[in-house]
Amino acid sequence: MGNFEIGAMDVETRSSGPNPYANYAVLRVKRSLWGGSYIGAMGIDKRSGNPFDSFNQTAGLDTRLVFLKNLVFNAYATQTRTPGIESGQTNVGAGFDYQTNWLEVLAQRRKVGANFNPEVGFVELTDCVCDYVDVNFKPRPRISGVRELNFEGFILHAPFTTGLLQTQEWQNTFRIEFNNGSYSDDDIVDVFTQRLLTPFNIYKDISIPVGEYH
């Protein structure tokens, strides 16, 4: 339809025994812009015969904007609606991706509410202010048999929305790509931090207690 793309889906399941019926409806609209850029919107509606989870809705906007061919900016904003919940249901984020033959830079920031709950879909972390930066320097020296060297480093910093650290990782990697397709991949540094707010059960009465782990 010209510069517009429209997609719609409606699925319904019958009730069976203790499982109530459910209906899922999805609508997606996207408008193409210049050079692979676009702006879009999506709405998702779930209805259920479960009196404790009668509905769940998600609505969102997203965009991808391409500048100078190798610089891409992206952003989104979404919100869910779940019975009995009034706040903490948003998820917003933005980032950019810059790529050349010798350098790649990726950066993004997301803020996900504690009660963000897209029942039709998947979210990696909730209750999070997630910052991520990845830089990869890719020189191609004149070394026999070597196609490319990679010096890459990234950091993920993801505290809860209250500011308390939830997850953090930073890593430095050195790679060699050879002309015959083989490669080496060596993690020089990989430091990971994870916080448990509730005990993590491993087996029977064996659990990892609450705390911050490295």
C-alpha atoms as a PDB file:
ATOM      1  CA  MET A   1       0.000   0.000   0.000  1.00  0.00           C
ATOM      2  CA  GLY A   2       2.447   2.624  -1.193  1.00  0.00           C
ATOM      3  CA  ASN A   3       4.926   3.415   1.576  1.00  0.00           C
ATOM      4  CA  PHE A   4       2.775   1.666   4.187  1.00  0.00           C
ATOM      5  CA  GLU A   5       2.910  -1.921   5.393  1.00  0.00           C
ATOM      6  CA  ILE A   6       0.002  -3.295   7.425  1.00  0.00           C
ATOM      7  CA  GLY A   7      -0.208  -6.637   9.177  1.00  0.00           C
ATOM      8  CA  ALA A   8      -3.016  -8.099  11.285  1.00  0.00           C
ATOM      9  CA  MET A   9      -3.553 -11.381  13.092  1.00  0.00           C
ATOM     10  CA  ASP A  10      -6.356 -12.782  15.236  1.00  0.00           C
ATOM     11  CA  VAL A  11      -6.087 -16.138  16.997  1.00  0.00           C
ATOM     12  CA  GLU A  12      -8.549 -17.752  19.399  1.00  0.00           C
ATOM     13  CA  THR A  13      -8.166 -20.895  21.498  1.00  0.00           C
ATOM     14  CA  ARG A  14     -11.058 -22.922  22.910  1.00  0.00           C
ATOM     15  CA  SER A  15     -11.443 -23.666  26.584  1.00  0.00           C
ATOM     16  CA  SER A  16     -10.359 -27.158  27.524  1.00  0.00           C
ATOM     17  CA  GLY A  17     -10.742 -28.562  31.022  1.00  0.00           C
ATOM     18  CA  PRO A  18      -9.131 -26.117  33.484  1.00  0.00           C
ATOM     19  CA  ASN A  19      -7.710 -24.004  30.636  1.00  0.00           C
ATOM     20  CA  PRO A  20      -9.962 -21.044  29.737  1.00  0.00           C
ATOM     21  CA  TYR A  21     -10.479 -19.682  26.238  1.00  0.00           C
ATOM     22  CA  ALA A  22      -8.196 -16.903  25.000  1.00  0.00           C
ATOM     23  CA  ASN A  23      -8.179 -14.497  22.072  1.00  0.00           C
ATOM     24  CA  TYR A  24      -5.073 -12.765  20.710  1.00  0.00           C
ATOM     25  CA  ALA A  25      -5.240  -9.854  18.257  1.00  0.00           C
ATOM     26  CA  VAL A  26      -2.215  -8.067  16.777  1.00  0.00           C
ATOM     27  CA  LEU A  27      -2.082  -5.041  14.458  1.00  0.00           C
ATOM     28  CA  ARG A  28       1.139  -3.619  12.970  1.00  0.00           C
ATOM     29  CA  VAL A  29       1.451  -0.495  10.792  1.00  0.00           C
ATOM     30  CA  LYS A  30       4.773   0.668   9.351  1.00  0.00           C
ATOM     31  CA  ARG A  31       5.610   3.544   7.029  1.00  0.00           C
ATOM     32  CA  SER A  32       8.802   3.427   4.996  1.00  0.00           C
ATOM     33  CA  LEU A  33      10.934   6.558   4.931  1.00  0.00           C
ATOM     34  CA  TRP A  34      14.288   7.203   3.234  1.00  0.00           C
ATOM     35  CA  GLY A  35      17.106   4.674   2.785  1.00  0.00           C
ATOM     36  CA  GLY A  36      15.795   1.838   4.965  1.00  0.00           C
ATOM     37  CA  SER A  37      14.330   4.161   7.595  1.00  0.00           C
ATOM     38  CA  TYR A  38      10.806   3.700   8.930  1.00  0.00           C
ATOM     39  CA  ILE A  39       8.348   4.624  11.643  1.00  0.00           C
ATOM     40  CA  GLY A  40       5.835   2.144  12.981  1.00  0.00           C
ATOM     41  CA  ALA A  41       3.168   1.364  15.540  1.00  0.00           C
ATOM     42  CA  MET A  42       1.865  -1.876  17.023  1.00  0.00           C
ATOM     43  CA  GLY A  43      -1.064  -2.853  19.204  1.00  0.00           C
ATOM     44  CA  ILE A  44      -1.639  -6.213  20.895  1.00  0.00           C
ATOM     45  CA  ASP A  45      -4.792  -7.266  22.723  1.00  0.00           C
ATOM     46  CA  LYS A  46      -5.273 -10.475  24.705  1.00  0.00           C
ATOM     47  CA  ARG A  47      -8.633 -11.504  26.187  1.00  0.00           C
ATOM     48  CA  SER A  48      -9.085 -14.527  28.405  1.00  0.00           C
ATOM     49  CA  GLY A  49     -11.768 -16.446  30.255  1.00  0.00           C
ATOM     50  CA  ASN A  50      -9.497 -16.474  33.307  1.00  0.00           C
ATOM     51  CA  PRO A  51     -11.183 -14.159  35.877  1.00  0.00           C
ATOM     52  CA  PHE A  52      -7.786 -13.365  37.434  1.00  0.00           C
ATOM     53  CA  ASP A  53      -6.187 -12.453  34.078  1.00  0.00           C
ATOM     54  CA  SER A  54      -9.058 -11.282  31.897  1.00  0.00           C
ATOM     55  CA  PHE A  55      -7.002  -9.087  29.586  1.00  0.00           C
ATOM     56  CA  ASN A  56      -3.522  -7.840  28.702  1.00  0.00           C
ATOM     57  CA  GLN A  57      -2.749  -5.079  26.227  1.00  0.00           C
ATOM     58  CA  THR A  58       0.427  -3.662  24.697  1.00  0.00           C
ATOM     59  CA  ALA A  59       0.819  -0.572  22.518  1.00  0.00           C
ATOM     60  CA  GLY A  60       3.999   0.876  21.113  1.00  0.00           C
ATOM     61  CA  LEU A  61       5.780   3.111  18.631  1.00  0.00           C
ATOM     62  CA  ASP A  62       9.182   2.479  17.067  1.00  0.00           C
ATOM     63  CA  THR A  63      11.466   4.053  14.499  1.00  0.00           C
ATOM     64  CA  ARG A  64      14.671   3.371  12.597  1.00  0.00           C
ATOM     65  CA  LEU A  65      16.441   6.335  11.007  1.00  0.00           C
ATOM     66  CA  VAL A  66      19.436   5.887   8.710  1.00  0.00           C
ATOM     67  CA  PHE A  67      21.901   8.752   8.293  1.00  0.00           C
ATOM     68  CA  LEU A  68      25.030   8.868   6.107  1.00  0.00           C
ATOM     69  CA  LYS A  69      24.473   5.167   5.206  1.00  0.00           C
ATOM     70  CA  ASN A  70      26.547   3.882   8.134  1.00  0.00           C
ATOM     71  CA  LEU A  71      24.841   5.628  11.081  1.00  0.00           C
ATOM     72  CA  VAL A  72      21.533   4.185  12.271  1.00  0.00           C
ATOM     73  CA  PHE A  73      19.421   5.658  15.059  1.00  0.00           C
ATOM     74  CA  ASN A  74      16.600   3.641  16.619  1.00  0.00           C
ATOM     75  CA  ALA A  75      14.071   4.323  19.349  1.00  0.00           C
ATOM     76  CA  TYR A  76      10.876   2.872  20.769  1.00  0.00           C
ATOM     77  CA  ALA A  77       8.249   3.442  23.459  1.00  0.00           C
ATOM     78  CA  THR A  78       5.787   0.817  24.681  1.00  0.00           C
ATOM     79  CA  GLN A  79       3.270   0.389  27.470  1.00  0.00           C
ATOM     80  CA  THR A  80       1.294  -2.560  28.774  1.00  0.00           C
ATOM     81  CA  ARG A  81      -2.016  -2.745  30.638  1.00  0.00           C
ATOM     82  CA  THR A  82      -2.681  -5.551  33.106  1.00  0.00           C
ATOM     83  CA  PRO A  83      -5.621  -5.877  35.531  1.00  0.00           C
ATOM     84  CA  GLY A  84      -4.866  -4.534  39.008  1.00  0.00           C
ATOM     85  CA  ILE A  85      -1.667  -2.698  38.021  1.00  0.00           C
ATOM     86  CA  GLU A  86      -1.544   1.081  37.718  1.00  0.00           C
ATOM     87  CA  SER A  87       2.140   2.022  37.346  1.00  0.00           C
ATOM     88  CA  GLY A  88       5.552   0.807  36.174  1.00  0.00           C
ATOM     89  CA  GLN A  89       4.201  -0.582  32.898  1.00  0.00           C
ATOM     90  CA  THR A  90       6.333   1.338  30.380  1.00  0.00           C
ATOM     91  CA  ASN A  91       9.398   0.377  28.356  1.00  0.00           C
ATOM     92  CA  VAL A  92      11.288   3.094  26.456  1.00  0.00           C
ATOM     93  CA  GLY A  93      14.658   3.028  24.771  1.00  0.00           C
ATOM     94  CA  ALA A  94      16.938   4.556  22.173  1.00  0.00           C
ATOM     95  CA  GLY A  95      20.298   3.821  20.637  1.00  0.00           C
ATOM     96  CA  PHE A  96      22.556   4.111  17.624  1.00  0.00           C
ATOM     97  CA  ASP A  97      24.742   1.865  15.502  1.00  0.00           C
ATOM     98  CA  TYR A  98      27.756   3.211  13.585  1.00  0.00           C
ATOM     99  CA  GLN A  99      29.671   0.929  11.220  1.00  0.00           C
ATOM    100  CA  THR A 100      32.604   1.403   8.869  1.00  0.00           C
ATOM    101  CA  ASN A 101      35.139  -1.042   7.421  1.00  0.00           C
ATOM    102  CA  TRP A 102      37.404  -0.560  10.445  1.00  0.00           C
ATOM    103  CA  LEU A 103      35.119   0.497  13.320  1.00  0.00           C
ATOM    104  CA  GLU A 104      31.795  -0.559  14.834  1.00  0.00           C
ATOM    105  CA  VAL A 105      30.111   1.331  17.684  1.00  0.00           C
ATOM    106  CA  LEU A 106      26.808   0.284  19.241  1.00  0.00           C
ATOM    107  CA  ALA A 107      25.174   2.094  22.152  1.00  0.00           C
ATOM    108  CA  GLN A 108      21.700   1.832  23.653  1.00  0.00           C
ATOM    109  CA  ARG A 109      19.753   2.788  26.735  1.00  0.00           C
ATOM    110  CA  ARG A 110      16.497   1.209  27.917  1.00  0.00           C
ATOM    111  CA  LYS A 111      14.278   1.875  30.902  1.00  0.00           C
ATOM    112  CA  VAL A 112      11.894  -0.977  31.651  1.00  0.00           C
ATOM    113  CA  GLY A 113       9.270  -0.616  34.364  1.00  0.00           C
ATOM    114  CA  ALA A 114       8.929  -3.148  37.162  1.00  0.00           C
ATOM    115  CA  ASN A 115       5.417  -4.094  36.005  1.00  0.00           C
ATOM    116  CA  PHE A 116       6.000  -4.096  32.237  1.00  0.00           C
ATOM    117  CA  ASN A 117       4.229  -7.299  31.199  1.00  0.00           C
ATOM    118  CA  PRO A 118       3.801  -8.120  27.482  1.00  0.00           C
ATOM    119  CA  GLU A 119       2.014 -11.464  27.763  1.00  0.00           C
ATOM    120  CA  VAL A 120       2.166 -11.795  23.970  1.00  0.00           C
ATOM    121  CA  GLY A 121       5.925 -11.522  23.596  1.00  0.00           C
ATOM    122  CA  PHE A 122       9.146 -11.670  25.565  1.00  0.00           C
ATOM    123  CA  VAL A 123      11.229  -9.229  27.601  1.00  0.00           C
ATOM    124  CA  GLU A 124      14.751 -10.047  28.831  1.00  0.00           C
ATOM    125  CA  LEU A 125      14.745  -7.882  31.983  1.00  0.00           C
ATOM    126  CA  THR A 126      12.157  -5.826  33.827  1.00  0.00           C
ATOM    127  CA  ASP A 127      12.641  -3.156  36.502  1.00  0.00           C
ATOM    128  CA  CYS A 128      15.830  -2.075  34.787  1.00  0.00           C
ATOM    129  CA  VAL A 129      17.740   0.939  33.506  1.00  0.00           C
ATOM    130  CA  CYS A 130      19.906  -0.892  30.979  1.00  0.00           C
ATOM    131  CA  ASP A 131      22.916   0.846  29.404  1.00  0.00           C
ATOM    132  CA  TYR A 132      24.990  -0.993  26.810  1.00  0.00           C
ATOM    133  CA  VAL A 133      28.037   0.137  24.803  1.00  0.00           C
ATOM    134  CA  ASP A 134      30.077  -2.017  22.403  1.00  0.00           C
ATOM    135  CA  VAL A 135      33.131  -0.823  20.443  1.00  0.00           C
ATOM    136  CA  ASN A 136      34.953  -3.018  17.925  1.00  0.00           C
ATOM    137  CA  PHE A 137      38.153  -1.805  16.220  1.00  0.00           C
ATOM    138  CA  LYS A 138      38.823  -3.885  13.057  1.00  0.00           C
ATOM    139  CA  PRO A 139      42.143  -3.135  11.352  1.00  0.00           C
ATOM    140  CA  ARG A 140      43.356  -5.182   8.370  1.00  0.00           C
ATOM    141  CA  PRO A 141      47.150  -5.283   8.623  1.00  0.00           C
ATOM    142  CA  ARG A 142      49.379  -6.674   5.908  1.00  0.00           C
ATOM    143  CA  ILE A 143      50.098  -9.980   7.646  1.00  0.00           C
ATOM    144  CA  SER A 144      50.320 -13.147   5.575  1.00  0.00           C
ATOM    145  CA  GLY A 145      47.197 -15.298   5.949  1.00  0.00           C
ATOM    146  CA  VAL A 146      45.388 -12.784   8.164  1.00  0.00           C
ATOM    147  CA  ARG A 147      42.258 -11.052   6.925  1.00  0.00           C
ATOM    148  CA  GLU A 148      41.316  -8.950   9.950  1.00  0.00           C
ATOM    149  CA  LEU A 149      42.075  -8.263  13.614  1.00  0.00           C
ATOM    150  CA  ASN A 150      39.332  -7.418  16.107  1.00  0.00           C
ATOM    151  CA  PHE A 151      39.823  -5.517  19.355  1.00  0.00           C
ATOM    152  CA  GLU A 152      36.382  -5.442  20.960  1.00  0.00           C
ATOM    153  CA  GLY A 153      35.102  -4.266  24.318  1.00  0.00           C
ATOM    154  CA  PHE A 154      31.629  -3.894  25.747  1.00  0.00           C
ATOM    155  CA  ILE A 155      29.951  -2.960  29.010  1.00  0.00           C
ATOM    156  CA  LEU A 156      26.435  -3.699  30.216  1.00  0.00           C
ATOM    157  CA  HIS A 157      25.285  -1.754  33.266  1.00  0.00           C
ATOM    158  CA  ALA A 158      21.770  -2.655  34.406  1.00  0.00           C
ATOM    159  CA  PRO A 159      20.634  -1.424  37.821  1.00  0.00           C
ATOM    160  CA  PHE A 160      17.063  -1.635  39.039  1.00  0.00           C
ATOM    161  CA  THR A 161      14.938   1.484  38.485  1.00  0.00           C
ATOM    162  CA  THR A 162      15.625   2.276  42.159  1.00  0.00           C
ATOM    163  CA  GLY A 163      19.375   2.511  41.375  1.00  0.00           C
ATOM    164  CA  LEU A 164      20.449  -0.731  43.102  1.00  0.00           C
ATOM    165  CA  LEU A 165      22.764  -2.767  40.857  1.00  0.00           C
ATOM    166  CA  GLN A 166      21.048  -5.782  39.298  1.00  0.00           C
ATOM    167  CA  THR A 167      23.404  -6.986  36.536  1.00  0.00           C
ATOM    168  CA  GLN A 168      26.706  -5.750  35.153  1.00  0.00           C
ATOM    169  CA  GLU A 169      29.245  -7.175  32.735  1.00  0.00           C
ATOM    170  CA  TRP A 170      32.279  -5.806  30.932  1.00  0.00           C
ATOM    171  CA  GLN A 171      34.459  -7.738  28.529  1.00  0.00           C
ATOM    172  CA  ASN A 172      37.515  -7.235  26.307  1.00  0.00           C
ATOM    173  CA  THR A 173      38.101  -9.601  23.406  1.00  0.00           C
ATOM    174  CA  PHE A 174      40.854 -10.114  20.821  1.00  0.00           C
ATOM    175  CA  ARG A 175      40.077 -12.008  17.611  1.00  0.00           C
ATOM    176  CA  ILE A 176      41.993 -12.947  14.479  1.00  0.00           C
ATOM    177  CA  GLU A 177      40.137 -13.777  11.258  1.00  0.00           C
ATOM    178  CA  PHE A 178      42.200 -15.719   8.735  1.00  0.00           C
ATOM    179  CA  ASN A 179      41.820 -15.780   4.957  1.00  0.00           C
ATOM    180  CA  ASN A 180      40.877 -19.483   5.006  1.00  0.00           C
ATOM    181  CA  GLY A 181      37.808 -18.811   7.178  1.00  0.00           C
ATOM    182  CA  SER A 182      39.271 -19.966  10.499  1.00  0.00           C
ATOM    183  CA  TYR A 183      39.561 -17.624  13.457  1.00  0.00           C
ATOM    184  CA  SER A 184      40.713 -17.280  17.047  1.00  0.00           C
ATOM    185  CA  ASP A 185      38.509 -15.783  19.760  1.00  0.00           C
ATOM    186  CA  ASP A 186      40.161 -14.889  23.059  1.00  0.00           C
ATOM    187  CA  ASP A 187      38.366 -13.171  25.930  1.00  0.00           C
ATOM    188  CA  ILE A 188      41.070 -11.203  27.724  1.00  0.00           C
ATOM    189  CA  VAL A 189      38.815  -9.876  30.488  1.00  0.00           C
ATOM    190  CA  ASP A 190      35.247 -10.867  31.430  1.00  0.00           C
ATOM    191  CA  VAL A 191      33.890  -9.469  34.695  1.00  0.00           C
ATOM    192  CA  PHE A 192      30.289 -10.324  35.577  1.00  0.00           C
ATOM    193  CA  THR A 193      28.174  -9.166  38.523  1.00  0.00           C
ATOM    194  CA  GLN A 194      24.704 -10.481  39.391  1.00  0.00           C
ATOM    195  CA  ARG A 195      22.459  -9.694  42.362  1.00  0.00           C
ATOM    196  CA  LEU A 196      19.976 -12.215  43.785  1.00  0.00           C
ATOM    197  CA  LEU A 197      17.015 -10.746  45.653  1.00  0.00           C
ATOM    198  CA  THR A 198      15.570 -14.160  46.494  1.00  0.00           C
ATOM    199  CA  PRO A 199      17.386 -17.471  47.133  1.00  0.00           C
ATOM    200  CA  PHE A 200      18.093 -19.451  43.946  1.00  0.00           C
ATOM    201  CA  ASN A 201      17.258 -23.125  44.380  1.00  0.00           C
ATOM    202  CA  ILE A 202      19.733 -25.457  42.683  1.00  0.00           C
ATOM    203  CA  TYR A 203      18.617 -28.888  43.884  1.00  0.00           C
ATOM    204  CA  LYS A 204      16.264 -29.979  46.644  1.00  0.00           C
ATOM    205  CA  ASP A 205      17.369 -28.088  49.805  1.00  0.00           C
ATOM    206  CA  ILE A 206      20.476 -26.565  48.173  1.00  0.00           C
ATOM    207  CA  SER A 207      20.120 -22.860  47.338  1.00  0.00           C
ATOM    208  CA  ILE A 208      22.325 -19.881  46.580  1.00  0.00           C
ATOM    209  CA  PRO A 209      21.510 -17.215  49.182  1.00  0.00           C
ATOM    210  CA  VAL A 210      20.548 -13.586  48.547  1.00  0.00           C
ATOM    211  CA  GLY A 211      23.528 -11.366  47.727  1.00  0.00           C
ATOM    212  CA  GLU A 212      25.771  -9.842  45.082  1.00  0.00           C
ATOM    213  CA  TYR A 213      27.924 -12.286  43.140  1.00  0.00           C
ATOM    214  CA  HIS A 214      30.931 -11.763  40.855  1.00  0.00           C
END
